[in-house]
C-alpha atoms as a PDB file:
ATOM      1  CA  UNK A   1      18.719 -17.059   2.197  1.00  0.00           C
ATOM      2  CA  UNK A   2      17.149 -13.894   0.841  1.00  0.00           C
ATOM      3  CA  UNK A   3      14.348 -13.787  -1.669  1.00  0.00           C
ATOM      4  CA  UNK A   4      14.467 -12.151  -5.045  1.00  0.00           C
ATOM      5  CA  UNK A   5      13.795  -8.424  -4.095  1.00  0.00           C
ATOM      6  CA  UNK A   6      11.073  -6.702  -6.511  1.00  0.00           C
ATOM      7  CA  UNK A   7      11.784  -5.162  -9.796  1.00  0.00           C
ATOM      8  CA  UNK A   8       9.032  -2.435  -9.144  1.00  0.00           C
ATOM      9  CA  UNK A   9       7.531  -0.752  -6.468  1.00  0.00           C
ATOM     10  CA  UNK A  10       3.889   0.629  -6.490  1.00  0.00           C
ATOM     11  CA  UNK A  11       3.821   3.916  -4.254  1.00  0.00           C
ATOM     12  CA  UNK A  12       0.139   4.325  -2.894  1.00  0.00           C
ATOM     13  CA  UNK A  13      -0.621   7.440  -0.953  1.00  0.00           C
ATOM     14  CA  UNK A  14      -4.093   7.008   0.804  1.00  0.00           C
ATOM     15  CA  UNK A  15      -6.341   8.706   3.181  1.00  0.00           C
ATOM     16  CA  UNK A  16      -9.771   7.101   4.513  1.00  0.00           C
ATOM     17  CA  UNK A  17      -9.516   4.439   1.952  1.00  0.00           C
ATOM     18  CA  UNK A  18     -10.684   1.553   3.922  1.00  0.00           C
ATOM     19  CA  UNK A  19     -13.754   1.017   1.961  1.00  0.00           C
ATOM     20  CA  UNK A  20     -11.902   0.122  -1.623  1.00  0.00           C
ATOM     21  CA  UNK A  21      -8.551  -1.038   0.041  1.00  0.00           C
ATOM     22  CA  UNK A  22      -8.901  -4.653   0.015  1.00  0.00           C
ATOM     23  CA  UNK A  23     -10.677  -4.760  -3.563  1.00  0.00           C
ATOM     24  CA  UNK A  24      -7.489  -2.641  -4.943  1.00  0.00           C
ATOM     25  CA  UNK A  25      -4.896  -4.640  -3.243  1.00  0.00           C
ATOM     26  CA  UNK A  26      -6.662  -7.872  -4.569  1.00  0.00           C
ATOM     27  CA  UNK A  27      -6.519  -6.366  -8.033  1.00  0.00           C
ATOM     28  CA  UNK A  28      -2.975  -5.580  -8.061  1.00  0.00           C
ATOM     29  CA  UNK A  29      -2.396  -9.539  -6.457  1.00  0.00           C
ATOM     30  CA  UNK A  30      -4.509 -10.735  -9.173  1.00  0.00           C
ATOM     31  CA  UNK A  31      -2.154  -9.600 -12.322  1.00  0.00           C
ATOM     32  CA  UNK A  32      -0.454 -12.036 -14.462  1.00  0.00           C
ATOM     33  CA  UNK A  33       2.420 -11.652 -16.169  1.00  0.00           C
ATOM     34  CA  UNK A  34       3.735  -8.490 -14.063  1.00  0.00           C
ATOM     35  CA  UNK A  35       7.117  -8.591 -13.159  1.00  0.00           C
ATOM     36  CA  UNK A  36       7.729  -8.856  -9.159  1.00  0.00           C
ATOM     37  CA  UNK A  37       6.509  -6.119  -7.348  1.00  0.00           C
ATOM     38  CA  UNK A  38       5.727  -4.551  -4.137  1.00  0.00           C
ATOM     39  CA  UNK A  39       3.237  -2.149  -2.796  1.00  0.00           C
ATOM     40  CA  UNK A  40       4.199   0.547  -0.352  1.00  0.00           C
ATOM     41  CA  UNK A  41       1.116   1.578   1.653  1.00  0.00           C
ATOM     42  CA  UNK A  42       1.758   5.651   2.477  1.00  0.00           C
ATOM     43  CA  UNK A  43      -0.871   6.648   4.842  1.00  0.00           C
ATOM     44  CA  UNK A  44      -1.726  10.354   4.731  1.00  0.00           C
ATOM     45  CA  UNK A  45      -3.796  10.547   8.251  1.00  0.00           C
ATOM     46  CA  UNK A  46      -6.661   8.607   7.848  1.00  0.00           C
ATOM     47  CA  UNK A  47      -9.309   8.470  10.401  1.00  0.00           C
ATOM     48  CA  UNK A  48     -11.249   5.267   9.033  1.00  0.00           C
ATOM     49  CA  UNK A  49      -9.973   1.759   9.235  1.00  0.00           C
ATOM     50  CA  UNK A  50      -7.437   2.128   6.494  1.00  0.00           C
ATOM     51  CA  UNK A  51      -4.282   1.664   8.507  1.00  0.00           C
ATOM     52  CA  UNK A  52      -5.184  -1.215  10.745  1.00  0.00           C
ATOM     53  CA  UNK A  53      -6.086  -3.083   7.611  1.00  0.00           C
ATOM     54  CA  UNK A  54      -2.988  -2.252   5.807  1.00  0.00           C
ATOM     55  CA  UNK A  55      -1.368  -3.340   8.734  1.00  0.00           C
ATOM     56  CA  UNK A  56      -3.192  -6.807   8.472  1.00  0.00           C
ATOM     57  CA  UNK A  57      -1.902  -7.114   5.288  1.00  0.00           C
ATOM     58  CA  UNK A  58       1.856  -5.769   6.031  1.00  0.00           C
ATOM     59  CA  UNK A  59       2.885  -9.284   6.782  1.00  0.00           C
ATOM     60  CA  UNK A  60       2.207 -10.699   3.073  1.00  0.00           C
ATOM     61  CA  UNK A  61       5.541 -10.461   1.186  1.00  0.00           C
ATOM     62  CA  UNK A  62       4.120  -7.809  -1.395  1.00  0.00           C
ATOM     63  CA  UNK A  63       3.057  -4.991   1.061  1.00  0.00           C
ATOM     64  CA  UNK A  64       4.749  -2.778   3.022  1.00  0.00           C
ATOM     65  CA  UNK A  65       2.912   0.304   5.231  1.00  0.00           C
ATOM     66  CA  UNK A  66       4.244   3.571   5.951  1.00  0.00           C
ATOM     67  CA  UNK A  67       2.656   6.197   7.897  1.00  0.00           C
ATOM     68  CA  UNK A  68       3.141   9.350   5.766  1.00  0.00           C
ATOM     69  CA  UNK A  69       1.996  11.865   7.868  1.00  0.00           C
ATOM     70  CA  UNK A  70       0.947  15.121   5.877  1.00  0.00           C
ATOM     71  CA  UNK A  71       3.018  18.169   6.903  1.00  0.00           C
ATOM     72  CA  UNK A  72       1.100  20.815   5.463  1.00  0.00           C
ATOM     73  CA  UNK A  73      -2.517  21.382   3.970  1.00  0.00           C
ATOM     74  CA  UNK A  74      -1.323  20.689   0.425  1.00  0.00           C
ATOM     75  CA  UNK A  75      -1.003  17.229  -1.521  1.00  0.00           C
ATOM     76  CA  UNK A  76       0.847  16.623  -4.466  1.00  0.00           C
ATOM     77  CA  UNK A  77      -0.837  15.044  -7.731  1.00  0.00           C
END
């Protein structure tokens, strides 16, 4: 049997965010009364430990890791 799908997705684009990744993810998990949600971590060519940290957490039910390599010199806001 498949579990209940999340109602919301948080799309988080990161680049070299290893120093804050754990703290931010824990803050999301600690929310009380929030609808069921998932976190999509989109890595933008990090050169630090962001990718390994996210991959370590990717086995949890609320986090998915996506490599989102930048294709141009611009980023959207």
